[in-house]
Amino acid sequence: MKSTRSEMTIIEHLEELRRRIVVAVAALVLFSVAGYFFSPKILAAIHASLPGVDFLIFTSLSEAFFVTIKIALYVGLVLALPVVFWQIWSFVAPALEPREKLLVGTLLPFIYLLFVGGLAFAFFVALPWTVRFFMSYAGPGLKPFLSIDDYLSFLFSMGLAFGLVFQLPLVILALTKIGLVKVEFLRRNRKYAILVIFVAAAIITPGTDMVSQIIMALPLMVLYELSIILAVIFK
């Protein structure tokens, strides 16, 4: 008879972990290959996000090639995350209690959706305002001469920052479910939360300007209020 999960040996656990990692890596490679073929269109969209810039430059012989690889890997990572989450979940779920399974299993899809929502907000909302602010300093004697690698790193940092901070409702919901935070505490300390949000936005935001920090702080304030609503609903 095949061993149950609770009766599996260390070797069997390691073998299952190896299979999960192989599937996750295979998904990453597959989606990265797809991202490579779509990289010209993505590069065109990146260029279009910079109004007034006629072209982007690369300052070393291999920079353009590695930028294409980076784009492919970024796309592959975002698209492969559901598969990675599923492999992690399938590995740890048998060790969880039914209540823990329900909580984690319910939150996992929303983690991914909120992360993608943060990426979309960064690119379609925060980025245009940030770019407009920085480009406002260009003038007759000051023209933008941007490296594609530097700009891509800035985009990635901004997208990652927004993808992570958009997890705020789920973090607060999890804390309320396990009893570490009360709904009344969240309501009573709203003004302190707003102060913390602005400090966190100043630290997390890739740019040092007030515009991008405010753009990050505003959705965080909305997400904080959404967290309170969710906490009340799930209470």
C-alpha atoms as a PDB file:
ATOM      1  CA  MET A   1       0.000   0.000   0.000  1.00  0.00           C
ATOM      2  CA  LYS A   2       1.228   3.478  -0.856  1.00  0.00           C
ATOM      3  CA  SER A   3       2.303   5.576   2.116  1.00  0.00           C
ATOM      4  CA  THR A   4       0.017   8.357   3.234  1.00  0.00           C
ATOM      5  CA  ARG A   5       1.382  11.876   3.565  1.00  0.00           C
ATOM      6  CA  SER A   6       1.676  11.578   7.353  1.00  0.00           C
ATOM      7  CA  GLU A   7       3.647   8.297   6.948  1.00  0.00           C
ATOM      8  CA  MET A   8       6.019   9.544   4.247  1.00  0.00           C
ATOM      9  CA  THR A   9       9.732   9.266   4.948  1.00  0.00           C
ATOM     10  CA  ILE A  10      12.202  12.127   4.644  1.00  0.00           C
ATOM     11  CA  ILE A  11      13.341  10.733   1.287  1.00  0.00           C
ATOM     12  CA  GLU A  12       9.759  10.641   0.011  1.00  0.00           C
ATOM     13  CA  HIS A  13       9.211  14.229   1.173  1.00  0.00           C
ATOM     14  CA  LEU A  14      12.361  15.351  -0.615  1.00  0.00           C
ATOM     15  CA  GLU A  15      11.333  13.487  -3.759  1.00  0.00           C
ATOM     16  CA  GLU A  16       7.927  15.149  -3.757  1.00  0.00           C
ATOM     17  CA  LEU A  17       9.558  18.542  -3.137  1.00  0.00           C
ATOM     18  CA  ARG A  18      11.869  17.908  -6.095  1.00  0.00           C
ATOM     19  CA  ARG A  19       8.877  17.147  -8.340  1.00  0.00           C
ATOM     20  CA  ARG A  20       7.113  20.332  -7.217  1.00  0.00           C
ATOM     21  CA  ILE A  21      10.216  22.417  -7.911  1.00  0.00           C
ATOM     22  CA  VAL A  22      10.661  20.835 -11.353  1.00  0.00           C
ATOM     23  CA  VAL A  23       7.062  21.661 -12.301  1.00  0.00           C
ATOM     24  CA  ALA A  24       7.417  25.252 -11.032  1.00  0.00           C
ATOM     25  CA  VAL A  25      10.699  25.791 -12.894  1.00  0.00           C
ATOM     26  CA  ALA A  26       9.265  24.227 -16.064  1.00  0.00           C
ATOM     27  CA  ALA A  27       6.317  26.639 -15.919  1.00  0.00           C
ATOM     28  CA  LEU A  28       8.715  29.565 -15.436  1.00  0.00           C
ATOM     29  CA  VAL A  29      10.822  28.483 -18.425  1.00  0.00           C
ATOM     30  CA  LEU A  30       7.773  27.898 -20.633  1.00  0.00           C
ATOM     31  CA  PHE A  31       6.195  31.283 -19.891  1.00  0.00           C
ATOM     32  CA  SER A  32       9.581  33.006 -20.167  1.00  0.00           C
ATOM     33  CA  VAL A  33      10.003  31.599 -23.669  1.00  0.00           C
ATOM     34  CA  ALA A  34       6.564  32.981 -24.540  1.00  0.00           C
ATOM     35  CA  GLY A  35       7.590  36.310 -22.999  1.00  0.00           C
ATOM     36  CA  TYR A  36      10.712  36.349 -25.185  1.00  0.00           C
ATOM     37  CA  PHE A  37       8.629  36.210 -28.358  1.00  0.00           C
ATOM     38  CA  PHE A  38       6.391  39.013 -27.076  1.00  0.00           C
ATOM     39  CA  SER A  39       9.320  41.151 -25.905  1.00  0.00           C
ATOM     40  CA  PRO A  40       9.305  43.435 -29.020  1.00  0.00           C
ATOM     41  CA  LYS A  41       5.704  44.431 -28.298  1.00  0.00           C
ATOM     42  CA  ILE A  42       6.492  44.899 -24.608  1.00  0.00           C
ATOM     43  CA  LEU A  43       9.486  47.064 -25.500  1.00  0.00           C
ATOM     44  CA  ALA A  44       7.218  49.136 -27.739  1.00  0.00           C
ATOM     45  CA  ALA A  45       4.780  49.594 -24.819  1.00  0.00           C
ATOM     46  CA  ILE A  46       7.673  50.586 -22.537  1.00  0.00           C
ATOM     47  CA  HIS A  47       8.815  53.159 -25.100  1.00  0.00           C
ATOM     48  CA  ALA A  48       5.265  54.467 -25.466  1.00  0.00           C
ATOM     49  CA  SER A  49       5.162  55.125 -21.719  1.00  0.00           C
ATOM     50  CA  LEU A  50       7.809  57.824 -22.244  1.00  0.00           C
ATOM     51  CA  PRO A  51       6.175  60.659 -24.186  1.00  0.00           C
ATOM     52  CA  GLY A  52       8.677  63.029 -25.716  1.00  0.00           C
ATOM     53  CA  VAL A  53      11.481  60.452 -25.811  1.00  0.00           C
ATOM     54  CA  ASP A  54      12.302  59.578 -29.401  1.00  0.00           C
ATOM     55  CA  PHE A  55      14.360  56.495 -28.560  1.00  0.00           C
ATOM     56  CA  LEU A  56      15.937  54.550 -25.711  1.00  0.00           C
ATOM     57  CA  ILE A  57      19.623  53.743 -25.745  1.00  0.00           C
ATOM     58  CA  PHE A  58      21.845  50.886 -24.611  1.00  0.00           C
ATOM     59  CA  THR A  59      25.317  51.724 -23.355  1.00  0.00           C
ATOM     60  CA  SER A  60      27.056  48.369 -23.715  1.00  0.00           C
ATOM     61  CA  LEU A  61      27.177  45.795 -26.479  1.00  0.00           C
ATOM     62  CA  SER A  62      25.204  43.159 -24.573  1.00  0.00           C
ATOM     63  CA  GLU A  63      22.724  45.455 -22.793  1.00  0.00           C
ATOM     64  CA  ALA A  64      19.936  45.217 -25.387  1.00  0.00           C
ATOM     65  CA  PHE A  65      20.172  41.408 -25.417  1.00  0.00           C
ATOM     66  CA  PHE A  66      20.044  41.096 -21.630  1.00  0.00           C
ATOM     67  CA  VAL A  67      17.165  43.575 -21.453  1.00  0.00           C
ATOM     68  CA  THR A  68      15.186  41.267 -23.732  1.00  0.00           C
ATOM     69  CA  ILE A  69      16.044  38.323 -21.461  1.00  0.00           C
ATOM     70  CA  LYS A  70      14.993  40.310 -18.388  1.00  0.00           C
ATOM     71  CA  ILE A  71      11.645  41.155 -19.977  1.00  0.00           C
ATOM     72  CA  ALA A  72      11.113  37.485 -20.826  1.00  0.00           C
ATOM     73  CA  LEU A  73      11.917  36.457 -17.243  1.00  0.00           C
ATOM     74  CA  TYR A  74       9.642  39.143 -15.745  1.00  0.00           C
ATOM     75  CA  VAL A  75       6.759  38.032 -17.950  1.00  0.00           C
ATOM     76  CA  GLY A  76       7.480  34.375 -17.208  1.00  0.00           C
ATOM     77  CA  LEU A  77       7.556  35.004 -13.455  1.00  0.00           C
ATOM     78  CA  VAL A  78       4.236  36.874 -13.408  1.00  0.00           C
ATOM     79  CA  LEU A  79       2.487  34.271 -15.574  1.00  0.00           C
ATOM     80  CA  ALA A  80       4.027  31.300 -13.740  1.00  0.00           C
ATOM     81  CA  LEU A  81       3.112  32.530 -10.245  1.00  0.00           C
ATOM     82  CA  PRO A  82      -0.238  30.635 -10.157  1.00  0.00           C
ATOM     83  CA  VAL A  83       1.593  27.396 -10.969  1.00  0.00           C
ATOM     84  CA  VAL A  84       4.267  28.156  -8.361  1.00  0.00           C
ATOM     85  CA  PHE A  85       1.600  28.946  -5.755  1.00  0.00           C
ATOM     86  CA  TRP A  86      -0.247  25.733  -6.590  1.00  0.00           C
ATOM     87  CA  GLN A  87       2.898  23.624  -6.209  1.00  0.00           C
ATOM     88  CA  ILE A  88       3.671  25.218  -2.844  1.00  0.00           C
ATOM     89  CA  TRP A  89       0.068  24.763  -1.740  1.00  0.00           C
ATOM     90  CA  SER A  90      -0.026  21.100  -2.857  1.00  0.00           C
ATOM     91  CA  PHE A  91       3.138  20.404  -0.884  1.00  0.00           C
ATOM     92  CA  VAL A  92       2.169  22.063   2.417  1.00  0.00           C
ATOM     93  CA  ALA A  93      -1.627  21.551   2.413  1.00  0.00           C
ATOM     94  CA  PRO A  94      -1.615  17.964   3.786  1.00  0.00           C
ATOM     95  CA  ALA A  95       0.226  19.211   6.889  1.00  0.00           C
ATOM     96  CA  LEU A  96      -2.379  21.892   7.658  1.00  0.00           C
ATOM     97  CA  GLU A  97      -5.487  21.682   9.793  1.00  0.00           C
ATOM     98  CA  PRO A  98      -8.846  21.941   7.946  1.00  0.00           C
ATOM     99  CA  ARG A  99      -9.388  25.505   9.208  1.00  0.00           C
ATOM    100  CA  GLU A 100      -5.898  26.514   8.074  1.00  0.00           C
ATOM    101  CA  LYS A 101      -6.471  24.889   4.681  1.00  0.00           C
ATOM    102  CA  LEU A 102      -9.663  26.866   4.217  1.00  0.00           C
ATOM    103  CA  LEU A 103      -8.024  30.173   5.147  1.00  0.00           C
ATOM    104  CA  VAL A 104      -4.868  29.733   3.056  1.00  0.00           C
ATOM    105  CA  GLY A 105      -6.700  28.148   0.131  1.00  0.00           C
ATOM    106  CA  THR A 106      -9.127  31.071   0.042  1.00  0.00           C
ATOM    107  CA  LEU A 107      -6.399  33.712   0.232  1.00  0.00           C
ATOM    108  CA  LEU A 108      -4.015  32.293  -2.412  1.00  0.00           C
ATOM    109  CA  PRO A 109      -6.032  33.313  -5.504  1.00  0.00           C
ATOM    110  CA  PHE A 110      -6.538  36.802  -4.079  1.00  0.00           C
ATOM    111  CA  ILE A 111      -2.804  37.144  -3.411  1.00  0.00           C
ATOM    112  CA  TYR A 112      -2.149  36.690  -7.115  1.00  0.00           C
ATOM    113  CA  LEU A 113      -5.048  38.888  -8.234  1.00  0.00           C
ATOM    114  CA  LEU A 114      -3.993  41.715  -5.925  1.00  0.00           C
ATOM    115  CA  PHE A 115      -0.390  41.392  -7.096  1.00  0.00           C
ATOM    116  CA  VAL A 116      -1.447  41.662 -10.738  1.00  0.00           C
ATOM    117  CA  GLY A 117      -3.738  44.547  -9.770  1.00  0.00           C
ATOM    118  CA  GLY A 118      -0.762  46.302  -8.195  1.00  0.00           C
ATOM    119  CA  LEU A 119       1.276  45.806 -11.371  1.00  0.00           C
ATOM    120  CA  ALA A 120      -1.539  47.206 -13.506  1.00  0.00           C
ATOM    121  CA  PHE A 121      -1.984  50.192 -11.192  1.00  0.00           C
ATOM    122  CA  ALA A 122       1.758  50.878 -11.285  1.00  0.00           C
ATOM    123  CA  PHE A 123       1.957  50.839 -15.083  1.00  0.00           C
ATOM    124  CA  PHE A 124      -1.314  52.491 -16.041  1.00  0.00           C
ATOM    125  CA  VAL A 125      -1.799  54.970 -13.173  1.00  0.00           C
ATOM    126  CA  ALA A 126       1.358  55.609 -11.150  1.00  0.00           C
ATOM    127  CA  LEU A 127       3.871  55.465 -13.978  1.00  0.00           C
ATOM    128  CA  PRO A 128       2.304  58.156 -16.226  1.00  0.00           C
ATOM    129  CA  TRP A 129       2.196  60.633 -13.332  1.00  0.00           C
ATOM    130  CA  THR A 130       5.750  59.802 -12.269  1.00  0.00           C
ATOM    131  CA  VAL A 131       7.110  60.045 -15.811  1.00  0.00           C
ATOM    132  CA  ARG A 132       5.269  63.320 -16.380  1.00  0.00           C
ATOM    133  CA  PHE A 133       6.792  64.747 -13.215  1.00  0.00           C
ATOM    134  CA  PHE A 134      10.370  63.781 -14.078  1.00  0.00           C
ATOM    135  CA  MET A 135      10.030  64.753 -17.740  1.00  0.00           C
ATOM    136  CA  SER A 136       8.815  68.210 -16.698  1.00  0.00           C
ATOM    137  CA  TYR A 137      12.440  69.037 -15.880  1.00  0.00           C
ATOM    138  CA  ALA A 138      13.477  68.585 -19.518  1.00  0.00           C
ATOM    139  CA  GLY A 139      13.951  71.767 -21.507  1.00  0.00           C
ATOM    140  CA  PRO A 140      15.796  73.338 -24.428  1.00  0.00           C
ATOM    141  CA  GLY A 141      19.164  72.711 -22.798  1.00  0.00           C
ATOM    142  CA  LEU A 142      18.241  69.474 -21.031  1.00  0.00           C
ATOM    143  CA  LYS A 143      17.133  66.519 -23.140  1.00  0.00           C
ATOM    144  CA  PRO A 144      16.336  62.986 -21.849  1.00  0.00           C
ATOM    145  CA  PHE A 145      18.877  60.357 -22.877  1.00  0.00           C
ATOM    146  CA  LEU A 146      17.589  57.225 -21.175  1.00  0.00           C
ATOM    147  CA  SER A 147      19.143  53.779 -20.920  1.00  0.00           C
ATOM    148  CA  ILE A 148      16.661  50.962 -21.522  1.00  0.00           C
ATOM    149  CA  ASP A 149      18.217  48.867 -18.735  1.00  0.00           C
ATOM    150  CA  ASP A 150      17.916  51.669 -16.161  1.00  0.00           C
ATOM    151  CA  TYR A 151      14.333  52.424 -17.161  1.00  0.00           C
ATOM    152  CA  LEU A 152      13.377  48.736 -17.095  1.00  0.00           C
ATOM    153  CA  SER A 153      14.863  48.409 -13.592  1.00  0.00           C
ATOM    154  CA  PHE A 154      12.820  51.428 -12.511  1.00  0.00           C
ATOM    155  CA  LEU A 155       9.657  49.857 -13.981  1.00  0.00           C
ATOM    156  CA  PHE A 156      10.344  46.533 -12.283  1.00  0.00           C
ATOM    157  CA  SER A 157      10.985  48.192  -8.913  1.00  0.00           C
ATOM    158  CA  MET A 158       7.787  50.215  -9.152  1.00  0.00           C
ATOM    159  CA  GLY A 159       5.706  47.229 -10.243  1.00  0.00           C
ATOM    160  CA  LEU A 160       7.112  45.034  -7.472  1.00  0.00           C
ATOM    161  CA  ALA A 161       6.503  47.733  -4.862  1.00  0.00           C
ATOM    162  CA  PHE A 162       2.859  48.191  -5.865  1.00  0.00           C
ATOM    163  CA  GLY A 163       2.327  44.432  -6.233  1.00  0.00           C
ATOM    164  CA  LEU A 164       3.494  43.923  -2.650  1.00  0.00           C
ATOM    165  CA  VAL A 165       1.676  46.829  -1.012  1.00  0.00           C
ATOM    166  CA  PHE A 166      -1.569  45.730  -2.669  1.00  0.00           C
ATOM    167  CA  GLN A 167      -1.392  42.679  -0.376  1.00  0.00           C
ATOM    168  CA  LEU A 168      -2.308  44.930   2.566  1.00  0.00           C
ATOM    169  CA  PRO A 169      -5.989  43.833   2.789  1.00  0.00           C
ATOM    170  CA  LEU A 170      -5.018  40.167   2.923  1.00  0.00           C
ATOM    171  CA  VAL A 171      -2.300  40.763   5.506  1.00  0.00           C
ATOM    172  CA  ILE A 172      -4.686  42.650   7.783  1.00  0.00           C
ATOM    173  CA  LEU A 173      -7.433  40.081   7.177  1.00  0.00           C
ATOM    174  CA  ALA A 174      -5.087  37.251   8.144  1.00  0.00           C
ATOM    175  CA  LEU A 175      -4.017  39.129  11.292  1.00  0.00           C
ATOM    176  CA  THR A 176      -7.642  39.645  12.306  1.00  0.00           C
ATOM    177  CA  LYS A 177      -8.517  36.011  11.633  1.00  0.00           C
ATOM    178  CA  ILE A 178      -5.762  34.748  13.919  1.00  0.00           C
ATOM    179  CA  GLY A 179      -6.670  37.299  16.581  1.00  0.00           C
ATOM    180  CA  LEU A 180      -3.575  39.523  16.545  1.00  0.00           C
ATOM    181  CA  VAL A 181      -5.520  42.601  15.384  1.00  0.00           C
ATOM    182  CA  LYS A 182      -9.070  43.688  16.218  1.00  0.00           C
ATOM    183  CA  VAL A 183     -11.404  45.603  13.921  1.00  0.00           C
ATOM    184  CA  GLU A 184     -11.927  48.194  16.649  1.00  0.00           C
ATOM    185  CA  PHE A 185      -8.159  48.719  16.820  1.00  0.00           C
ATOM    186  CA  LEU A 186      -8.017  49.371  13.076  1.00  0.00           C
ATOM    187  CA  ARG A 187     -10.803  51.926  13.277  1.00  0.00           C
ATOM    188  CA  ARG A 188      -9.479  53.646  16.384  1.00  0.00           C
ATOM    189  CA  ASN A 189      -5.950  54.052  15.024  1.00  0.00           C
ATOM    190  CA  ARG A 190      -6.856  55.141  11.499  1.00  0.00           C
ATOM    191  CA  LYS A 191      -4.939  58.440  11.773  1.00  0.00           C
ATOM    192  CA  TYR A 192      -1.776  56.639  12.869  1.00  0.00           C
ATOM    193  CA  ALA A 193      -2.218  54.170  10.029  1.00  0.00           C
ATOM    194  CA  ILE A 194      -2.328  57.059   7.540  1.00  0.00           C
ATOM    195  CA  LEU A 195       0.950  58.391   8.967  1.00  0.00           C
ATOM    196  CA  VAL A 196       2.568  54.944   8.684  1.00  0.00           C
ATOM    197  CA  ILE A 197       1.252  54.611   5.121  1.00  0.00           C
ATOM    198  CA  PHE A 198       2.914  57.850   4.015  1.00  0.00           C
ATOM    199  CA  VAL A 199       6.192  56.875   5.704  1.00  0.00           C
ATOM    200  CA  ALA A 200       6.067  53.431   4.077  1.00  0.00           C
ATOM    201  CA  ALA A 201       5.268  54.980   0.691  1.00  0.00           C
ATOM    202  CA  ALA A 202       8.319  57.246   1.007  1.00  0.00           C
ATOM    203  CA  ILE A 203      10.514  54.219   1.755  1.00  0.00           C
ATOM    204  CA  ILE A 204       9.083  51.776  -0.799  1.00  0.00           C
ATOM    205  CA  THR A 205       8.584  54.070  -3.786  1.00  0.00           C
ATOM    206  CA  PRO A 206      11.512  53.814  -6.242  1.00  0.00           C
ATOM    207  CA  GLY A 207      11.412  57.538  -7.037  1.00  0.00           C
ATOM    208  CA  THR A 208      12.347  60.183  -4.497  1.00  0.00           C
ATOM    209  CA  ASP A 209       9.693  62.671  -5.629  1.00  0.00           C
ATOM    210  CA  MET A 210       6.569  63.473  -3.645  1.00  0.00           C
ATOM    211  CA  VAL A 211       4.292  62.742  -6.614  1.00  0.00           C
ATOM    212  CA  SER A 212       5.064  59.017  -6.837  1.00  0.00           C
ATOM    213  CA  GLN A 213       4.967  58.715  -3.037  1.00  0.00           C
ATOM    214  CA  ILE A 214       1.520  60.299  -2.864  1.00  0.00           C
ATOM    215  CA  ILE A 215       0.341  58.106  -5.751  1.00  0.00           C
ATOM    216  CA  MET A 216       1.386  55.054  -3.727  1.00  0.00           C
ATOM    217  CA  ALA A 217      -0.045  56.362  -0.446  1.00  0.00           C
ATOM    218  CA  LEU A 218      -3.531  57.069  -1.843  1.00  0.00           C
ATOM    219  CA  PRO A 219      -4.352  53.484  -2.930  1.00  0.00           C
ATOM    220  CA  LEU A 220      -2.850  52.243   0.339  1.00  0.00           C
ATOM    221  CA  MET A 221      -5.336  54.379   2.237  1.00  0.00           C
ATOM    222  CA  VAL A 222      -8.158  52.902   0.149  1.00  0.00           C
ATOM    223  CA  LEU A 223      -6.796  49.403   0.730  1.00  0.00           C
ATOM    224  CA  TYR A 224      -6.661  50.055   4.473  1.00  0.00           C
ATOM    225  CA  GLU A 225     -10.348  50.961   4.485  1.00  0.00           C
ATOM    226  CA  LEU A 226     -11.057  47.889   2.360  1.00  0.00           C
ATOM    227  CA  SER A 227      -9.173  45.826   4.937  1.00  0.00           C
ATOM    228  CA  ILE A 228     -11.497  47.049   7.679  1.00  0.00           C
ATOM    229  CA  ILE A 229     -14.554  46.157   5.585  1.00  0.00           C
ATOM    230  CA  LEU A 230     -13.193  42.679   4.831  1.00  0.00           C
ATOM    231  CA  ALA A 231     -12.318  42.132   8.479  1.00  0.00           C
ATOM    232  CA  VAL A 232     -15.898  43.000   9.475  1.00  0.00           C
ATOM    233  CA  ILE A 233     -17.347  40.690   6.800  1.00  0.00           C
ATOM    234  CA  PHE A 234     -15.143  37.716   7.727  1.00  0.00           C
ATOM    235  CA  LYS A 235     -15.533  38.323  11.447  1.00  0.00           C
END
